Amino acid sequence: MDLSSIPQEILIARGEYATVRGAHEDEKKRLSILCGQLTAIASQVLRAMQGDEVISPDTRQQLDTLFLYGGKALRAMEECAEDLKDLAYQRSTLKEKAWRK
């Protein structure tokens, strides 16, 4: 491939596209990890509530901690989803500029 035959503006746009695409892929991985964390927290809550006995103070504290972590994970998922929307928009805008035929 002769890079000198490709206009500089297209090479720059392709570099920008690659950068945004990489960030988009990283955010998708982050969202996957956050979803896994939230699922694990939900399973732990369910496990803590399986017994028929009265909830002990230790179990109550464990549940409070799990709900706190679950809320943090959910807020992080919301933030990540917003970042993904922004990156997807940037990516689609740059794709046309970088890969026009």
Protein backbone atom coordinates (compact mmCIF):
# COMPACT_ATOMS: atom_id res chain seq x y z
CA MET A 1 0.00 0.00 0.00
CA ASP A 2 1.33 3.38 -0.96
CA LEU A 3 0.28 5.73 1.84
CA SER A 4 1.48 8.73 -0.14
CA SER A 5 -1.39 8.12 -2.56
CA ILE A 6 -3.96 8.67 0.20
CA PRO A 7 -4.78 12.30 1.02
CA GLN A 8 -3.50 13.49 4.40
CA GLU A 9 -7.00 14.47 5.56
CA ILE A 10 -8.24 10.91 5.00
CA LEU A 11 -5.29 9.43 6.88
CA ILE A 12 -6.00 11.75 9.79
CA ALA A 13 -9.71 10.88 9.69
CA ARG A 14 -8.84 7.18 9.71
CA GLY A 15 -6.62 7.69 12.73
CA GLU A 16 -9.42 9.53 14.50
CA TYR A 17 -11.86 6.79 13.54
CA ALA A 18 -9.51 4.08 14.85
CA THR A 19 -9.08 5.97 18.12
CA VAL A 20 -12.83 6.38 18.66
CA ARG A 21 -13.48 2.78 17.61
CA GLY A 22 -10.95 1.57 20.18
CA ALA A 23 -12.59 3.65 22.90
CA HIS A 24 -15.99 2.29 21.84
CA GLU A 25 -14.73 -1.30 22.11
CA ASP A 26 -13.20 -0.57 25.53
CA GLU A 27 -16.50 0.85 26.79
CA LYS A 28 -18.39 -2.23 25.56
CA LYS A 29 -15.97 -4.40 27.54
CA ARG A 30 -16.46 -2.16 30.58
CA LEU A 31 -20.24 -2.45 30.28
CA SER A 32 -19.95 -6.23 30.08
CA ILE A 33 -17.90 -6.29 33.29
CA LEU A 34 -20.39 -4.00 35.05
CA CYS A 35 -23.30 -6.20 33.96
CA GLY A 36 -21.46 -9.21 35.39
CA GLN A 37 -20.89 -7.39 38.66
CA LEU A 38 -24.55 -6.46 38.95
CA THR A 39 -25.59 -10.05 38.22
CA ALA A 40 -23.20 -11.32 40.90
CA ILE A 41 -24.59 -8.82 43.41
CA ALA A 42 -28.17 -9.88 42.61
CA SER A 43 -27.21 -13.52 43.17
CA GLN A 44 -25.62 -12.66 46.51
CA VAL A 45 -28.77 -10.81 47.61
CA LEU A 46 -30.90 -13.79 46.65
CA ARG A 47 -28.58 -16.16 48.52
CA ALA A 48 -28.68 -13.97 51.63
CA MET A 49 -32.47 -14.00 51.61
CA GLN A 50 -32.93 -17.76 51.09
CA GLY A 51 -33.44 -18.63 54.73
CA ASP A 52 -36.82 -18.57 56.46
CA GLU A 53 -35.42 -17.13 59.68
CA VAL A 54 -35.50 -13.53 60.80
CA ILE A 55 -32.79 -11.43 59.16
CA SER A 56 -29.84 -11.06 61.50
CA PRO A 57 -28.03 -7.73 61.95
CA ASP A 58 -25.04 -9.19 60.09
CA THR A 59 -27.23 -10.21 57.16
CA ARG A 60 -28.90 -6.79 57.18
CA GLN A 61 -25.48 -5.13 57.03
CA GLN A 62 -24.42 -7.48 54.24
CA LEU A 63 -27.58 -6.60 52.30
CA ASP A 64 -27.05 -2.88 52.82
CA THR A 65 -23.53 -3.24 51.45
CA LEU A 66 -24.73 -5.27 48.48
CA PHE A 67 -27.43 -2.71 47.67
CA LEU A 68 -24.86 0.06 47.90
CA TYR A 69 -22.53 -1.77 45.49
CA GLY A 70 -25.46 -2.63 43.24
CA GLY A 71 -26.50 1.00 43.05
CA LYS A 72 -22.95 2.04 42.21
CA ALA A 73 -22.76 -0.63 39.50
CA LEU A 74 -26.08 0.46 38.04
CA ARG A 75 -25.04 4.13 37.96
CA ALA A 76 -21.75 3.15 36.32
CA MET A 77 -23.72 1.15 33.73
CA GLU A 78 -25.88 4.21 32.98
CA GLU A 79 -22.78 6.36 32.56
CA CYS A 80 -21.15 3.76 30.36
CA ALA A 81 -24.27 3.51 28.18
CA GLU A 82 -24.23 7.29 27.70
CA ASP A 83 -20.54 7.15 26.77
CA LEU A 84 -21.29 4.37 24.30
CA LYS A 85 -24.03 6.43 22.64
CA ASP A 86 -21.66 9.38 22.27
CA LEU A 87 -18.87 7.21 20.91
CA ALA A 88 -21.22 5.46 18.47
CA TYR A 89 -22.30 8.84 17.11
CA GLN A 90 -18.68 10.00 16.76
CA ARG A 91 -17.76 6.73 15.13
CA SER A 92 -20.55 6.92 12.53
CA THR A 93 -19.67 10.53 11.74
CA LEU A 94 -15.98 9.75 11.31
CA LYS A 95 -16.57 6.55 9.35
CA GLU A 96 -18.09 8.41 6.44
CA LYS A 97 -15.23 10.91 6.42
CA ALA A 98 -12.51 8.28 6.81
CA TRP A 99 -13.78 5.57 4.48
CA ARG A 100 -15.60 7.46 1.74
CA LYS A 101 -15.30 5.78 -1.60
